[in-house]
PDB file of N, CA and C in Angstrom:
ATOM      1  N   MET A   1       8.058   4.417  -8.158  1.00  0.00           N
ATOM      2  CA  MET A   1       7.059   5.134  -8.199  1.00  0.00           C
ATOM      3  C   MET A   1       6.127   5.073  -7.541  1.00  0.00           C
ATOM      4  N   VAL A   2       5.893   6.011  -6.392  1.00  0.00           N
ATOM      5  CA  VAL A   2       4.834   5.818  -5.360  1.00  0.00           C
ATOM      6  C   VAL A   2       3.724   6.611  -5.837  1.00  0.00           C
ATOM      7  N   THR A   3       2.695   6.260  -6.234  1.00  0.00           N
ATOM      8  CA  THR A   3       1.033   6.926  -6.843  1.00  0.00           C
ATOM      9  C   THR A   3       0.726   7.539  -5.700  1.00  0.00           C
ATOM     10  N   THR A   4       0.464   8.952  -5.199  1.00  0.00           N
ATOM     11  CA  THR A   4      -0.778   9.205  -4.036  1.00  0.00           C
ATOM     12  C   THR A   4      -2.435   8.831  -4.857  1.00  0.00           C
ATOM     13  N   ILE A   5      -3.142   8.058  -3.821  1.00  0.00           N
ATOM     14  CA  ILE A   5      -4.272   7.979  -4.216  1.00  0.00           C
ATOM     15  C   ILE A   5      -4.766   8.913  -3.619  1.00  0.00           C
ATOM     16  N   THR A   6      -6.151   9.539  -3.676  1.00  0.00           N
ATOM     17  CA  THR A   6      -6.736  10.458  -3.307  1.00  0.00           C
ATOM     18  C   THR A   6      -8.309  10.674  -3.488  1.00  0.00           C
ATOM     19  N   SER A   7      -8.827   9.556  -4.103  1.00  0.00           N
ATOM     20  CA  SER A   7     -10.516   9.365  -3.793  1.00  0.00           C
ATOM     21  C   SER A   7     -10.820   7.423  -4.120  1.00  0.00           C
ATOM     22  N   LYS A   8     -11.572   7.595  -3.229  1.00  0.00           N
ATOM     23  CA  LYS A   8     -12.714   6.388  -3.823  1.00  0.00           C
ATOM     24  C   LYS A   8     -12.538   5.505  -4.794  1.00  0.00           C
ATOM     25  N   ALA A   9     -12.278   6.643  -6.100  1.00  0.00           N
ATOM     26  CA  ALA A   9     -12.513   5.968  -7.229  1.00  0.00           C
ATOM     27  C   ALA A   9     -11.414   5.692  -7.550  1.00  0.00           C
ATOM     28  N   ALA A  10     -10.372   6.394  -7.484  1.00  0.00           N
ATOM     29  CA  ALA A  10      -8.883   6.148  -7.953  1.00  0.00           C
ATOM     30  C   ALA A  10      -8.586   4.790  -7.584  1.00  0.00           C
ATOM     31  N   PHE A  11      -8.859   4.484  -5.811  1.00  0.00           N
ATOM     32  CA  PHE A  11      -8.547   3.557  -5.654  1.00  0.00           C
ATOM     33  C   PHE A  11      -9.124   2.503  -6.077  1.00  0.00           C
ATOM     34  N   ASP A  12     -10.054   2.386  -6.509  1.00  0.00           N
ATOM     35  CA  ASP A  12     -11.145   0.680  -7.258  1.00  0.00           C
ATOM     36  C   ASP A  12     -10.264   0.876  -8.442  1.00  0.00           C
ATOM     37  N   GLU A  13     -10.182   1.917  -8.896  1.00  0.00           N
ATOM     38  CA  GLU A  13      -9.496   1.169 -10.798  1.00  0.00           C
ATOM     39  C   GLU A  13      -7.996   0.902 -10.362  1.00  0.00           C
ATOM     40  N   ALA A  14      -7.252   1.385  -9.400  1.00  0.00           N
ATOM     41  CA  ALA A  14      -5.742   0.773  -8.488  1.00  0.00           C
ATOM     42  C   ALA A  14      -5.914  -0.430  -8.826  1.00  0.00           C
ATOM     43  N   ILE A  15      -6.726  -0.918  -7.818  1.00  0.00           N
ATOM     44  CA  ILE A  15      -6.816  -2.267  -7.923  1.00  0.00           C
ATOM     45  C   ILE A  15      -7.207  -3.309  -8.381  1.00  0.00           C
ATOM     46  N   LYS A  16      -7.635  -2.519  -9.511  1.00  0.00           N
ATOM     47  CA  LYS A  16      -8.085  -3.390 -10.554  1.00  0.00           C
ATOM     48  C   LYS A  16      -7.299  -4.662 -11.659  1.00  0.00           C
ATOM     49  N   LYS A  17      -5.855  -3.972 -11.608  1.00  0.00           N
ATOM     50  CA  LYS A  17      -4.848  -4.226 -12.249  1.00  0.00           C
ATOM     51  C   LYS A  17      -4.805  -6.069 -12.744  1.00  0.00           C
ATOM     52  N   ASP A  18      -4.630  -6.485 -13.142  1.00  0.00           N
ATOM     53  CA  ASP A  18      -4.025  -8.114 -13.634  1.00  0.00           C
ATOM     54  C   ASP A  18      -2.499  -8.128 -12.929  1.00  0.00           C
ATOM     55  N   LYS A  19      -1.998  -6.995 -12.491  1.00  0.00           N
ATOM     56  CA  LYS A  19      -0.646  -7.409 -11.802  1.00  0.00           C
ATOM     57  C   LYS A  19      -0.747  -6.734  -9.951  1.00  0.00           C
ATOM     58  N   LEU A  20       0.194  -7.269  -9.449  1.00  0.00           N
ATOM     59  CA  LEU A  20       0.486  -6.452  -7.942  1.00  0.00           C
ATOM     60  C   LEU A  20      -0.115  -5.423  -7.336  1.00  0.00           C
ATOM     61  N   VAL A  21      -0.258  -4.983  -7.227  1.00  0.00           N
ATOM     62  CA  VAL A  21      -0.663  -3.624  -6.119  1.00  0.00           C
ATOM     63  C   VAL A  21      -0.585  -3.657  -4.924  1.00  0.00           C
ATOM     64  N   VAL A  22       0.382  -3.153  -4.654  1.00  0.00           N
ATOM     65  CA  VAL A  22       0.785  -2.393  -3.223  1.00  0.00           C
ATOM     66  C   VAL A  22       0.311  -1.342  -2.713  1.00  0.00           C
ATOM     67  N   VAL A  23      -0.416  -1.332  -1.831  1.00  0.00           N
ATOM     68  CA  VAL A  23      -0.715   0.195  -0.814  1.00  0.00           C
ATOM     69  C   VAL A  23      -1.078   0.457   0.139  1.00  0.00           C
ATOM     70  N   ASP A  24      -0.049   1.251   0.075  1.00  0.00           N
ATOM     71  CA  ASP A  24       0.385   1.844   1.480  1.00  0.00           C
ATOM     72  C   ASP A  24      -0.312   2.861   2.606  1.00  0.00           C
ATOM     73  N   PHE A  25      -1.114   2.572   3.555  1.00  0.00           N
ATOM     74  CA  PHE A  25      -1.895   2.763   4.547  1.00  0.00           C
ATOM     75  C   PHE A  25      -1.463   3.344   5.153  1.00  0.00           C
ATOM     76  N   PHE A  26      -1.343   4.981   5.350  1.00  0.00           N
ATOM     77  CA  PHE A  26      -0.285   6.067   5.805  1.00  0.00           C
ATOM     78  C   PHE A  26      -1.155   6.920   6.657  1.00  0.00           C
ATOM     79  N   ALA A  27      -0.746   7.485   7.240  1.00  0.00           N
ATOM     80  CA  ALA A  27      -1.043   8.783   7.927  1.00  0.00           C
ATOM     81  C   ALA A  27      -0.270   9.913   8.533  1.00  0.00           C
ATOM     82  N   THR A  28       0.505  10.987   8.535  1.00  0.00           N
ATOM     83  CA  THR A  28       1.336  12.246   8.092  1.00  0.00           C
ATOM     84  C   THR A  28       1.888  12.163   9.693  1.00  0.00           C
ATOM     85  N   TRP A  29       1.076  11.664  10.401  1.00  0.00           N
ATOM     86  CA  TRP A  29       1.284  11.846  12.172  1.00  0.00           C
ATOM     87  C   TRP A  29       2.025  10.620  12.539  1.00  0.00           C
ATOM     88  N   CYS A  30       2.064   9.817  11.474  1.00  0.00           N
ATOM     89  CA  CYS A  30       2.262   7.996  12.082  1.00  0.00           C
ATOM     90  C   CYS A  30       4.226   8.185  11.767  1.00  0.00           C
ATOM     91  N   GLY A  31       4.714   8.007  13.224  1.00  0.00           N
ATOM     92  CA  GLY A  31       6.494   8.096  13.596  1.00  0.00           C
ATOM     93  C   GLY A  31       6.581   7.030  11.789  1.00  0.00           C
ATOM     94  N   PRO A  32       6.833   5.674  12.896  1.00  0.00           N
ATOM     95  CA  PRO A  32       6.772   4.525  11.715  1.00  0.00           C
ATOM     96  C   PRO A  32       6.301   4.764  10.493  1.00  0.00           C
ATOM     97  N   CYS A  33       5.607   5.583   9.546  1.00  0.00           N
ATOM     98  CA  CYS A  33       5.098   5.168   7.893  1.00  0.00           C
ATOM     99  C   CYS A  33       5.975   6.409   7.702  1.00  0.00           C
ATOM    100  N   ARG A  34       6.415   7.302   8.114  1.00  0.00           N
ATOM    101  CA  ARG A  34       7.718   8.133   7.865  1.00  0.00           C
ATOM    102  C   ARG A  34       9.008   7.489   7.944  1.00  0.00           C
ATOM    103  N   VAL A  35       9.031   6.741   8.728  1.00  0.00           N
ATOM    104  CA  VAL A  35      10.371   6.107   8.758  1.00  0.00           C
ATOM    105  C   VAL A  35      10.242   4.884   7.488  1.00  0.00           C
ATOM    106  N   ILE A  36       9.551   4.186   7.461  1.00  0.00           N
ATOM    107  CA  ILE A  36       9.412   3.452   6.151  1.00  0.00           C
ATOM    108  C   ILE A  36       8.983   3.849   4.812  1.00  0.00           C
ATOM    109  N   ALA A  37       8.574   5.214   4.670  1.00  0.00           N
ATOM    110  CA  ALA A  37       8.180   5.511   3.002  1.00  0.00           C
ATOM    111  C   ALA A  37       9.450   5.279   2.224  1.00  0.00           C
ATOM    112  N   PRO A  38      10.656   5.699   2.932  1.00  0.00           N
ATOM    113  CA  PRO A  38      12.238   5.706   1.876  1.00  0.00           C
ATOM    114  C   PRO A  38      12.304   4.550   1.304  1.00  0.00           C
ATOM    115  N   LYS A  39      11.900   3.458   1.583  1.00  0.00           N
ATOM    116  CA  LYS A  39      12.347   1.792   1.615  1.00  0.00           C
ATOM    117  C   LYS A  39      10.927   1.888   0.754  1.00  0.00           C
ATOM    118  N   VAL A  40      10.115   1.701   0.757  1.00  0.00           N
ATOM    119  CA  VAL A  40       8.659   1.916   0.200  1.00  0.00           C
ATOM    120  C   VAL A  40       9.026   2.429  -1.621  1.00  0.00           C
ATOM    121  N   VAL A  41       9.642   4.004  -1.510  1.00  0.00           N
ATOM    122  CA  VAL A  41      10.031   4.614  -2.757  1.00  0.00           C
ATOM    123  C   VAL A  41      11.366   3.097  -3.034  1.00  0.00           C
ATOM    124  N   SER A  42      12.289   2.717  -2.751  1.00  0.00           N
ATOM    125  CA  SER A  42      13.192   1.952  -3.023  1.00  0.00           C
ATOM    126  C   SER A  42      12.370   0.776  -3.563  1.00  0.00           C
ATOM    127  N   PHE A  43      11.719  -0.343  -2.747  1.00  0.00           N
ATOM    128  CA  PHE A  43      11.067  -1.158  -3.660  1.00  0.00           C
ATOM    129  C   PHE A  43      10.305  -0.642  -4.670  1.00  0.00           C
ATOM    130  N   SER A  44       9.817   0.265  -5.332  1.00  0.00           N
ATOM    131  CA  SER A  44       8.652   0.411  -6.181  1.00  0.00           C
ATOM    132  C   SER A  44       9.809   0.887  -7.146  1.00  0.00           C
ATOM    133  N   GLN A  45      11.055   1.458  -6.906  1.00  0.00           N
ATOM    134  CA  GLN A  45      12.111   1.407  -8.280  1.00  0.00           C
ATOM    135  C   GLN A  45      12.804  -0.356  -8.162  1.00  0.00           C
ATOM    136  N   GLU A  46      12.958  -0.823  -7.637  1.00  0.00           N
ATOM    137  CA  GLU A  46      13.310  -2.691  -7.724  1.00  0.00           C
ATOM    138  C   GLU A  46      12.496  -3.236  -8.435  1.00  0.00           C
ATOM    139  N   TYR A  47      11.081  -3.563  -7.347  1.00  0.00           N
ATOM    140  CA  TYR A  47      10.445  -4.504  -8.317  1.00  0.00           C
ATOM    141  C   TYR A  47       9.538  -3.200  -9.512  1.00  0.00           C
ATOM    142  N   THR A  48       9.590  -3.183 -10.341  1.00  0.00           N
ATOM    143  CA  THR A  48       8.853  -2.297 -11.731  1.00  0.00           C
ATOM    144  C   THR A  48       7.853  -2.735 -12.389  1.00  0.00           C
ATOM    145  N   ASP A  49       8.059  -4.231 -11.914  1.00  0.00           N
ATOM    146  CA  ASP A  49       6.669  -4.880 -12.420  1.00  0.00           C
ATOM    147  C   ASP A  49       5.260  -4.775 -11.633  1.00  0.00           C
ATOM    148  N   VAL A  50       5.441  -3.691  -9.893  1.00  0.00           N
ATOM    149  CA  VAL A  50       4.590  -3.847  -8.919  1.00  0.00           C
ATOM    150  C   VAL A  50       4.255  -2.316  -9.058  1.00  0.00           C
ATOM    151  N   ASP A  51       2.872  -2.187  -8.815  1.00  0.00           N
ATOM    152  CA  ASP A  51       2.636  -0.793  -8.381  1.00  0.00           C
ATOM    153  C   ASP A  51       2.550  -0.473  -7.224  1.00  0.00           C
ATOM    154  N   PHE A  52       2.711   1.119  -7.173  1.00  0.00           N
ATOM    155  CA  PHE A  52       2.967   1.060  -5.270  1.00  0.00           C
ATOM    156  C   PHE A  52       1.955   2.107  -5.974  1.00  0.00           C
ATOM    157  N   TYR A  53       1.265   2.078  -4.390  1.00  0.00           N
ATOM    158  CA  TYR A  53       0.031   3.282  -4.322  1.00  0.00           C
ATOM    159  C   TYR A  53       0.290   3.912  -2.742  1.00  0.00           C
ATOM    160  N   LYS A  54      -0.192   4.879  -2.111  1.00  0.00           N
ATOM    161  CA  LYS A  54      -0.590   5.414  -0.976  1.00  0.00           C
ATOM    162  C   LYS A  54      -1.456   6.329  -0.815  1.00  0.00           C
ATOM    163  N   VAL A  55      -2.490   5.366   0.295  1.00  0.00           N
ATOM    164  CA  VAL A  55      -3.802   6.582   0.773  1.00  0.00           C
ATOM    165  C   VAL A  55      -2.719   6.758   2.144  1.00  0.00           C
ATOM    166  N   ASP A  56      -3.623   8.022   2.263  1.00  0.00           N
ATOM    167  CA  ASP A  56      -3.388   9.205   3.641  1.00  0.00           C
ATOM    168  C   ASP A  56      -4.553   8.370   4.154  1.00  0.00           C
ATOM    169  N   VAL A  57      -4.469   7.969   5.327  1.00  0.00           N
ATOM    170  CA  VAL A  57      -6.673   7.702   5.902  1.00  0.00           C
ATOM    171  C   VAL A  57      -6.785   8.807   6.403  1.00  0.00           C
ATOM    172  N   ASP A  58      -5.986   9.470   6.662  1.00  0.00           N
ATOM    173  CA  ASP A  58      -6.599  10.877   7.297  1.00  0.00           C
ATOM    174  C   ASP A  58      -7.702  11.547   6.060  1.00  0.00           C
ATOM    175  N   GLU A  59      -6.899  11.290   4.373  1.00  0.00           N
ATOM    176  CA  GLU A  59      -7.402  12.308   3.397  1.00  0.00           C
ATOM    177  C   GLU A  59      -8.565  11.657   2.522  1.00  0.00           C
ATOM    178  N   VAL A  60      -8.264  10.203   3.086  1.00  0.00           N
ATOM    179  CA  VAL A  60      -9.362   9.303   2.504  1.00  0.00           C
ATOM    180  C   VAL A  60     -10.364   8.516   3.364  1.00  0.00           C
ATOM    181  N   PRO A  61     -10.526   8.825   4.359  1.00  0.00           N
ATOM    182  CA  PRO A  61     -10.975   7.559   5.143  1.00  0.00           C
ATOM    183  C   PRO A  61     -12.229   6.864   4.324  1.00  0.00           C
ATOM    184  N   ASP A  62     -12.741   7.085   3.725  1.00  0.00           N
ATOM    185  CA  ASP A  62     -13.643   5.992   3.263  1.00  0.00           C
ATOM    186  C   ASP A  62     -12.979   4.662   2.140  1.00  0.00           C
ATOM    187  N   VAL A  63     -12.176   4.605   1.991  1.00  0.00           N
ATOM    188  CA  VAL A  63     -11.350   3.840   1.470  1.00  0.00           C
ATOM    189  C   VAL A  63     -10.547   3.208   2.896  1.00  0.00           C
ATOM    190  N   ALA A  64      -9.926   3.943   3.539  1.00  0.00           N
ATOM    191  CA  ALA A  64      -9.136   3.038   5.127  1.00  0.00           C
ATOM    192  C   ALA A  64     -10.609   2.188   5.631  1.00  0.00           C
ATOM    193  N   SER A  65     -11.502   3.177   5.498  1.00  0.00           N
ATOM    194  CA  SER A  65     -13.055   2.384   6.578  1.00  0.00           C
ATOM    195  C   SER A  65     -13.201   0.938   5.493  1.00  0.00           C
ATOM    196  N   GLU A  66     -13.450   1.148   4.380  1.00  0.00           N
ATOM    197  CA  GLU A  66     -14.181  -0.067   3.094  1.00  0.00           C
ATOM    198  C   GLU A  66     -13.092  -1.297   3.712  1.00  0.00           C
ATOM    199  N   VAL A  67     -11.867  -1.238   3.605  1.00  0.00           N
ATOM    200  CA  VAL A  67     -10.398  -2.145   3.701  1.00  0.00           C
ATOM    201  C   VAL A  67      -9.959  -2.469   5.129  1.00  0.00           C
ATOM    202  N   GLN A  68     -11.132  -1.646   5.979  1.00  0.00           N
ATOM    203  CA  GLN A  68     -11.089  -2.538   7.961  1.00  0.00           C
ATOM    204  C   GLN A  68      -9.290  -2.064   8.233  1.00  0.00           C
ATOM    205  N   VAL A  69      -8.461  -0.989   8.049  1.00  0.00           N
ATOM    206  CA  VAL A  69      -7.397  -0.588   8.247  1.00  0.00           C
ATOM    207  C   VAL A  69      -7.364   0.068   9.595  1.00  0.00           C
ATOM    208  N   LYS A  70      -6.803  -1.014  10.002  1.00  0.00           N
ATOM    209  CA  LYS A  70      -6.813  -0.709  11.816  1.00  0.00           C
ATOM    210  C   LYS A  70      -5.261   0.031  12.343  1.00  0.00           C
ATOM    211  N   ALA A  71      -4.389   0.030  11.478  1.00  0.00           N
ATOM    212  CA  ALA A  71      -3.466   0.403  12.709  1.00  0.00           C
ATOM    213  C   ALA A  71      -2.274   1.170  11.187  1.00  0.00           C
ATOM    214  N   MET A  72      -1.400   1.701  11.114  1.00  0.00           N
ATOM    215  CA  MET A  72      -0.733   2.609  10.105  1.00  0.00           C
ATOM    216  C   MET A  72       0.698   2.128  10.146  1.00  0.00           C
ATOM    217  N   PRO A  73       1.502   1.491   9.957  1.00  0.00           N
ATOM    218  CA  PRO A  73       1.039   1.607   8.063  1.00  0.00           C
ATOM    219  C   PRO A  73       0.471   0.325   8.428  1.00  0.00           C
ATOM    220  N   THR A  74       0.123   0.038   6.960  1.00  0.00           N
ATOM    221  CA  THR A  74      -0.410  -1.050   7.030  1.00  0.00           C
ATOM    222  C   THR A  74      -0.291  -1.302   4.710  1.00  0.00           C
ATOM    223  N   PHE A  75      -0.071  -2.043   5.063  1.00  0.00           N
ATOM    224  CA  PHE A  75       0.610  -2.113   3.514  1.00  0.00           C
ATOM    225  C   PHE A  75      -0.511  -3.535   2.947  1.00  0.00           C
ATOM    226  N   MET A  76      -1.139  -3.132   1.924  1.00  0.00           N
ATOM    227  CA  MET A  76      -2.228  -4.225   1.462  1.00  0.00           C
ATOM    228  C   MET A  76      -1.606  -5.239  -0.084  1.00  0.00           C
ATOM    229  N   PHE A  77      -1.538  -5.820  -0.932  1.00  0.00           N
ATOM    230  CA  PHE A  77      -1.485  -6.555  -2.180  1.00  0.00           C
ATOM    231  C   PHE A  77      -2.581  -6.615  -2.261  1.00  0.00           C
ATOM    232  N   PHE A  78      -2.828  -6.570  -3.563  1.00  0.00           N
ATOM    233  CA  PHE A  78      -4.143  -6.489  -4.433  1.00  0.00           C
ATOM    234  C   PHE A  78      -3.468  -6.977  -6.097  1.00  0.00           C
ATOM    235  N   LYS A  79      -4.939  -7.692  -6.680  1.00  0.00           N
ATOM    236  CA  LYS A  79      -4.427  -8.667  -7.736  1.00  0.00           C
ATOM    237  C   LYS A  79      -6.107  -8.521  -8.073  1.00  0.00           C
ATOM    238  N   ASN A  80      -6.002  -8.196  -9.281  1.00  0.00           N
ATOM    239  CA  ASN A  80      -7.707  -8.172 -10.107  1.00  0.00           C
ATOM    240  C   ASN A  80      -8.540  -8.243  -8.982  1.00  0.00           C
ATOM    241  N   GLY A  81      -8.402  -6.472  -8.340  1.00  0.00           N
ATOM    242  CA  GLY A  81      -9.134  -6.331  -7.439  1.00  0.00           C
ATOM    243  C   GLY A  81      -9.780  -6.614  -6.433  1.00  0.00           C
ATOM    244  N   GLU A  82      -9.046  -8.160  -5.748  1.00  0.00           N
ATOM    245  CA  GLU A  82      -9.218  -8.876  -4.825  1.00  0.00           C
ATOM    246  C   GLU A  82      -7.898  -8.840  -3.693  1.00  0.00           C
ATOM    247  N   ARG A  83      -8.590  -8.796  -2.786  1.00  0.00           N
ATOM    248  CA  ARG A  83      -6.914  -8.429  -1.500  1.00  0.00           C
ATOM    249  C   ARG A  83      -6.292 -10.248  -1.393  1.00  0.00           C
ATOM    250  N   VAL A  84      -5.138 -10.075  -1.936  1.00  0.00           N
ATOM    251  CA  VAL A  84      -3.797 -11.252  -1.259  1.00  0.00           C
ATOM    252  C   VAL A  84      -3.199 -11.472  -0.252  1.00  0.00           C
ATOM    253  N   GLY A  85      -2.886 -10.335   0.339  1.00  0.00           N
ATOM    254  CA  GLY A  85      -2.549 -10.234   1.518  1.00  0.00           C
ATOM    255  C   GLY A  85      -2.456  -8.933   1.970  1.00  0.00           C
ATOM    256  N   GLU A  86      -1.471  -9.043   3.304  1.00  0.00           N
ATOM    257  CA  GLU A  86      -1.378  -7.778   4.210  1.00  0.00           C
ATOM    258  C   GLU A  86      -0.009  -7.806   4.877  1.00  0.00           C
ATOM    259  N   VAL A  87       0.295  -6.622   5.191  1.00  0.00           N
ATOM    260  CA  VAL A  87       1.539  -6.548   6.320  1.00  0.00           C
ATOM    261  C   VAL A  87       1.294  -5.445   7.118  1.00  0.00           C
ATOM    262  N   VAL A  88       1.012  -5.351   8.082  1.00  0.00           N
ATOM    263  CA  VAL A  88       0.863  -3.965   9.657  1.00  0.00           C
ATOM    264  C   VAL A  88       2.610  -4.201  10.206  1.00  0.00           C
ATOM    265  N   GLY A  89       2.424  -2.671  10.264  1.00  0.00           N
ATOM    266  CA  GLY A  89       3.994  -2.477  10.526  1.00  0.00           C
ATOM    267  C   GLY A  89       4.710  -2.460   9.359  1.00  0.00           C
ATOM    268  N   ALA A  90       6.125  -1.575  10.282  1.00  0.00           N
ATOM    269  CA  ALA A  90       6.786  -0.892   9.100  1.00  0.00           C
ATOM    270  C   ALA A  90       8.444  -1.507   9.291  1.00  0.00           C
ATOM    271  N   ASN A  91       7.659  -2.808   8.750  1.00  0.00           N
ATOM    272  CA  ASN A  91       9.017  -3.634   8.818  1.00  0.00           C
ATOM    273  C   ASN A  91       9.392  -3.813   7.312  1.00  0.00           C
ATOM    274  N   PRO A  92      10.553  -3.596   6.789  1.00  0.00           N
ATOM    275  CA  PRO A  92      11.072  -3.843   5.392  1.00  0.00           C
ATOM    276  C   PRO A  92      11.112  -4.945   4.873  1.00  0.00           C
ATOM    277  N   GLN A  93      11.942  -5.650   5.955  1.00  0.00           N
ATOM    278  CA  GLN A  93      12.084  -7.262   6.012  1.00  0.00           C
ATOM    279  C   GLN A  93      10.752  -8.164   5.028  1.00  0.00           C
ATOM    280  N   VAL A  94       9.550  -7.999   6.183  1.00  0.00           N
ATOM    281  CA  VAL A  94       8.711  -8.491   6.177  1.00  0.00           C
ATOM    282  C   VAL A  94       7.830  -7.798   4.548  1.00  0.00           C
ATOM    283  N   LEU A  95       7.563  -6.736   4.299  1.00  0.00           N
ATOM    284  CA  LEU A  95       7.019  -5.795   3.253  1.00  0.00           C
ATOM    285  C   LEU A  95       7.564  -6.579   1.982  1.00  0.00           C
ATOM    286  N   LYS A  96       9.075  -6.906   1.910  1.00  0.00           N
ATOM    287  CA  LYS A  96       9.613  -7.379   0.920  1.00  0.00           C
ATOM    288  C   LYS A  96       9.570  -8.614   0.197  1.00  0.00           C
ATOM    289  N   GLN A  97       9.338  -9.333   1.798  1.00  0.00           N
ATOM    290  CA  GLN A  97       8.797 -10.924   1.848  1.00  0.00           C
ATOM    291  C   GLN A  97       7.482 -10.876   1.075  1.00  0.00           C
ATOM    292  N   GLY A  98       6.609 -10.212   1.544  1.00  0.00           N
ATOM    293  CA  GLY A  98       5.185 -10.617   1.047  1.00  0.00           C
ATOM    294  C   GLY A  98       5.328  -9.837  -0.549  1.00  0.00           C
ATOM    295  N   ILE A  99       6.037  -8.574  -0.777  1.00  0.00           N
ATOM    296  CA  ILE A  99       6.039  -8.457  -2.021  1.00  0.00           C
ATOM    297  C   ILE A  99       6.467  -9.609  -3.436  1.00  0.00           C
ATOM    298  N   GLU A 100       7.639 -10.438  -2.613  1.00  0.00           N
ATOM    299  CA  GLU A 100       8.581 -11.757  -3.377  1.00  0.00           C
ATOM    300  C   GLU A 100       6.929 -12.761  -3.206  1.00  0.00           C
ATOM    301  N   LYS A 101       6.728 -12.938  -2.302  1.00  0.00           N
ATOM    302  CA  LYS A 101       5.198 -14.035  -2.058  1.00  0.00           C
ATOM    303  C   LYS A 101       3.937 -13.450  -3.047  1.00  0.00           C
ATOM    304  N   TYR A 102       3.586 -12.913  -3.429  1.00  0.00           N
ATOM    305  CA  TYR A 102       2.225 -12.164  -4.647  1.00  0.00           C
ATOM    306  C   TYR A 102       2.353 -11.650  -6.016  1.00  0.00           C
ATOM    307  N   LYS A 103       4.233 -11.463  -5.920  1.00  0.00           N
ATOM    308  CA  LYS A 103       4.120 -10.757  -7.612  1.00  0.00           C
ATOM    309  C   LYS A 103       4.169 -11.852  -8.291  1.00  0.00           C
TER     310      LYS A 103
END
């Protein structure tokens, strides 16, 4: 399951976990974001020990600005509130490698 984050407070709470948290920064108008979205859902079912979230950069711009998202999609990996990695672009293989590396 991929949970939608709708506020800065929800984002701050989500990334505090001591397990891997993957955050998908996307925009509704972003074609590559729409293409990779089903794969992100698939990964969330495959990696049940990882939490998956998504942030619409137009709906929650303060979060996107704080973590300096410059392109969509951007996937950021967090553990214990710290960013441990990042993948930019809609490449499922690279995203999977990141999940495997940081989980």
